N, C-alpha and C. Protein backbone atom coordinates (compact mmCIF):
# COMPACT_ATOMS: atom_id res chain seq x y z
N UNK A 1 1.03 -12.30 38.37
CA UNK A 1 0.98 -12.63 36.95
C UNK A 1 1.86 -13.89 36.92
N UNK A 2 1.57 -14.83 36.16
CA UNK A 2 2.26 -16.08 35.99
C UNK A 2 3.33 -15.75 34.82
N UNK A 3 4.53 -16.59 35.02
CA UNK A 3 5.58 -16.48 34.13
C UNK A 3 5.48 -17.43 32.91
N UNK A 4 5.63 -17.17 31.57
CA UNK A 4 5.58 -18.20 30.47
C UNK A 4 6.44 -19.18 30.73
N UNK A 5 5.79 -20.39 30.20
CA UNK A 5 6.40 -21.69 30.26
C UNK A 5 7.01 -22.13 29.05
N UNK A 6 6.56 -21.32 27.98
CA UNK A 6 7.07 -21.95 26.66
C UNK A 6 7.09 -20.62 25.69
N UNK A 7 7.89 -20.81 24.49
CA UNK A 7 7.84 -19.75 23.67
C UNK A 7 8.10 -20.18 22.06
N UNK A 8 7.47 -19.48 21.22
CA UNK A 8 7.52 -19.54 19.80
C UNK A 8 9.12 -19.33 19.43
N UNK A 9 9.55 -19.56 18.23
CA UNK A 9 10.75 -19.37 17.76
C UNK A 9 11.36 -17.90 18.05
N UNK A 10 10.47 -16.82 17.48
CA UNK A 10 10.80 -15.61 17.75
C UNK A 10 11.01 -15.09 19.15
N UNK A 11 9.92 -15.49 19.86
CA UNK A 11 10.24 -15.07 21.43
C UNK A 11 11.26 -15.55 21.95
N UNK A 12 11.65 -16.96 21.54
CA UNK A 12 12.89 -17.74 22.18
C UNK A 12 14.17 -16.78 22.08
N UNK A 13 14.20 -16.44 20.71
CA UNK A 13 15.41 -15.73 20.03
C UNK A 13 15.53 -14.29 20.84
N UNK A 14 14.37 -13.77 20.91
CA UNK A 14 14.52 -12.48 21.81
C UNK A 14 14.77 -12.68 23.36
N UNK A 15 14.42 -13.65 23.96
CA UNK A 15 14.19 -13.94 25.12
C UNK A 15 15.80 -14.37 25.53
N UNK A 16 16.19 -14.96 24.37
CA UNK A 16 17.58 -15.62 24.54
C UNK A 16 18.67 -14.17 24.39
N UNK A 17 18.39 -13.35 23.50
CA UNK A 17 19.41 -12.22 22.98
C UNK A 17 19.89 -12.51 21.99
N UNK A 18 19.55 -13.48 21.11
CA UNK A 18 20.18 -13.92 19.83
C UNK A 18 19.44 -13.92 18.67
N UNK A 19 19.79 -14.17 17.73
CA UNK A 19 18.98 -14.00 16.40
C UNK A 19 18.32 -15.45 16.00
N UNK A 20 17.40 -14.95 15.19
CA UNK A 20 16.88 -16.63 14.84
C UNK A 20 17.47 -17.31 14.10
N UNK A 21 18.23 -16.99 13.34
CA UNK A 21 19.44 -17.91 12.64
C UNK A 21 20.23 -18.65 13.60
N UNK A 22 20.75 -17.89 14.49
CA UNK A 22 21.47 -18.61 15.50
C UNK A 22 20.76 -19.56 16.29
N UNK A 23 19.30 -19.07 16.55
CA UNK A 23 18.77 -20.28 17.39
C UNK A 23 18.34 -21.33 16.64
N UNK A 24 17.86 -21.18 15.58
CA UNK A 24 17.95 -22.52 14.50
C UNK A 24 19.24 -23.16 14.46
N UNK A 25 20.46 -22.67 14.42
CA UNK A 25 21.38 -23.44 14.24
C UNK A 25 21.82 -24.14 15.31
N UNK A 26 21.55 -23.70 16.80
CA UNK A 26 21.57 -24.37 17.84
C UNK A 26 20.67 -25.52 18.18
N UNK A 27 19.37 -25.28 17.41
CA UNK A 27 18.43 -26.51 17.44
C UNK A 27 18.59 -27.52 16.47
N UNK A 28 19.28 -27.25 15.58
CA UNK A 28 19.74 -28.21 14.33
C UNK A 28 21.20 -28.85 15.01
N UNK A 29 22.00 -28.15 15.63
CA UNK A 29 23.03 -29.01 16.32
C UNK A 29 22.91 -29.79 17.57
N UNK A 30 21.46 -29.71 17.98
CA UNK A 30 21.05 -30.48 19.11
C UNK A 30 21.61 -29.88 20.41
N UNK A 31 22.02 -28.79 20.62
CA UNK A 31 22.45 -27.94 21.69
C UNK A 31 21.15 -27.48 22.34
N UNK A 32 20.14 -27.07 21.67
CA UNK A 32 18.93 -26.53 22.35
C UNK A 32 17.83 -27.47 21.91
N UNK A 33 17.12 -27.83 22.90
CA UNK A 33 16.05 -28.74 22.59
C UNK A 33 14.92 -27.96 22.34
N UNK A 34 14.31 -28.35 21.28
CA UNK A 34 12.90 -27.64 20.72
C UNK A 34 11.85 -28.67 20.56
N UNK A 35 10.55 -28.39 20.96
CA UNK A 35 9.30 -29.32 20.91
C UNK A 35 8.57 -28.78 19.59
N UNK A 36 7.67 -29.84 19.17
CA UNK A 36 6.56 -29.65 18.01
C UNK A 36 5.37 -29.39 18.99
N UNK A 37 4.18 -28.53 18.58
CA UNK A 37 3.10 -28.58 18.84
C UNK A 37 2.29 -28.17 17.38
N UNK A 38 1.84 -29.44 16.85
CA UNK A 38 1.02 -29.30 15.54
C UNK A 38 2.32 -28.45 14.52
N UNK A 39 2.08 -27.77 13.79
CA UNK A 39 3.12 -26.99 12.95
C UNK A 39 4.21 -26.17 13.76
N UNK A 40 3.89 -25.65 15.03
CA UNK A 40 4.94 -24.88 15.51
C UNK A 40 5.84 -25.37 16.57
N UNK A 41 6.82 -24.83 16.54
CA UNK A 41 8.07 -25.27 17.16
C UNK A 41 8.10 -24.31 18.44
N UNK A 42 8.22 -25.19 19.44
CA UNK A 42 8.22 -24.49 20.98
C UNK A 42 9.38 -24.81 21.75
N UNK A 43 9.76 -23.71 22.40
CA UNK A 43 10.97 -24.06 23.13
C UNK A 43 10.51 -23.51 24.73
N UNK A 44 10.84 -24.68 25.70
CA UNK A 44 10.29 -24.27 26.98
C UNK A 44 11.40 -23.42 27.50
N UNK A 45 10.85 -22.62 28.71
CA UNK A 45 11.63 -21.88 29.59
C UNK A 45 12.72 -22.66 30.03
N UNK A 46 12.36 -23.67 30.54
CA UNK A 46 13.52 -24.90 31.02
C UNK A 46 14.64 -25.04 30.05
N UNK A 47 14.25 -25.24 28.99
CA UNK A 47 15.27 -25.78 28.07
C UNK A 47 16.18 -24.63 27.47
N UNK A 48 15.49 -23.40 27.40
CA UNK A 48 16.40 -22.45 27.05
C UNK A 48 17.21 -21.98 28.37
N UNK A 49 16.79 -22.10 29.32
CA UNK A 49 17.84 -21.85 30.55
C UNK A 49 18.93 -22.72 30.66
N UNK A 50 18.37 -24.08 30.53
CA UNK A 50 19.63 -25.15 30.53
C UNK A 50 20.34 -24.96 29.30
N UNK A 51 20.03 -24.67 28.28
CA UNK A 51 20.95 -24.27 26.99
C UNK A 51 21.90 -23.00 27.63
N UNK A 52 21.22 -21.92 28.19
CA UNK A 52 22.26 -20.97 28.33
C UNK A 52 23.18 -21.22 29.38
N UNK A 53 22.85 -22.25 30.38
CA UNK A 53 23.89 -22.56 31.48
C UNK A 53 24.79 -23.37 30.91
N UNK A 54 24.61 -24.02 29.75
CA UNK A 54 25.67 -24.92 29.17
C UNK A 54 26.92 -24.35 28.18
N UNK A 55 26.43 -22.92 28.00
CA UNK A 55 27.27 -21.96 26.94
C UNK A 55 28.52 -21.88 27.82
N UNK A 56 29.72 -22.13 26.96
CA UNK A 56 31.15 -22.06 27.77
C UNK A 56 31.40 -20.43 28.60
N UNK A 57 32.21 -20.78 29.41
CA UNK A 57 32.43 -19.58 30.13
C UNK A 57 33.51 -18.55 29.18
N UNK A 58 33.45 -17.47 29.23
CA UNK A 58 34.21 -16.59 28.33
C UNK A 58 35.89 -16.78 28.10
N UNK A 59 35.87 -16.96 29.38
CA UNK A 59 37.61 -17.50 29.49
C UNK A 59 38.12 -18.75 28.92
N UNK A 60 36.96 -19.73 28.76
CA UNK A 60 37.26 -20.98 28.39
C UNK A 60 37.19 -21.01 26.51
N UNK A 61 37.07 -19.98 26.00
CA UNK A 61 36.93 -19.83 24.53
C UNK A 61 37.80 -19.28 23.86
N UNK A 62 38.68 -19.78 22.89
CA UNK A 62 40.05 -18.83 22.35
C UNK A 62 39.06 -17.76 21.57
N UNK A 63 40.13 -16.67 21.86
CA UNK A 63 39.57 -15.41 21.06
C UNK A 63 40.15 -15.25 19.92
N UNK A 64 38.78 -14.74 18.95
CA UNK A 64 39.25 -14.69 17.51
C UNK A 64 38.87 -13.37 16.97
N UNK A 65 38.76 -12.42 17.87
CA UNK A 65 38.56 -11.19 17.41
C UNK A 65 39.46 -10.56 16.43
N UNK A 66 39.32 -9.42 15.60
CA UNK A 66 40.07 -8.65 14.79
C UNK A 66 41.14 -8.21 15.61
N UNK A 67 40.85 -7.49 16.52
CA UNK A 67 41.83 -6.68 17.61
C UNK A 67 42.81 -7.77 18.12
N UNK A 68 42.59 -9.21 18.42
CA UNK A 68 43.23 -10.02 18.83
C UNK A 68 44.48 -10.54 17.83
N UNK A 69 43.95 -10.68 16.60
CA UNK A 69 44.75 -10.68 15.24
C UNK A 69 45.49 -9.90 15.05
N UNK A 70 45.20 -8.48 15.14
CA UNK A 70 46.40 -7.42 15.08
C UNK A 70 47.29 -7.50 15.85
N UNK A 71 46.69 -7.83 17.16
CA UNK A 71 47.84 -7.59 18.30
C UNK A 71 48.80 -8.74 18.04
N UNK A 72 48.38 -9.71 17.62
CA UNK A 72 49.46 -10.96 17.28
C UNK A 72 50.27 -10.66 16.07
N UNK A 73 50.04 -10.15 15.18
CA UNK A 73 50.57 -9.84 14.07
C UNK A 73 51.60 -8.85 14.42
N UNK A 74 51.43 -7.71 15.19
CA UNK A 74 52.12 -6.59 15.71
C UNK A 74 53.45 -7.35 16.63
N UNK A 75 52.88 -8.45 17.19
CA UNK A 75 54.01 -9.01 18.03
C UNK A 75 54.94 -9.60 17.32
N UNK A 76 54.61 -10.38 16.10
CA UNK A 76 55.29 -10.84 15.20
C UNK A 76 56.20 -9.91 14.55
N UNK A 77 55.97 -8.94 14.10
CA UNK A 77 56.44 -7.69 13.33
C UNK A 77 57.36 -6.96 14.37
N UNK A 78 57.23 -7.20 15.63
CA UNK A 78 58.20 -6.54 16.76
C UNK A 78 59.43 -7.06 17.01
């Protein structure tokens, strides 16, 4: 069985494990390349893989979770 080389928007979002809104944001921000085929927006497997490879490592991104904010607030009050 051959592997798909391109996805529609819904399929690309599902394949990437993100929502359609986030996928559109990534395209609008020019972080994810999309192509047009008539009225359809197509994302190639290669572009999806390249986008995922460019995502920052979790250790390189500042944490902004609620638990971190609570922990910092406790440090200040202790």
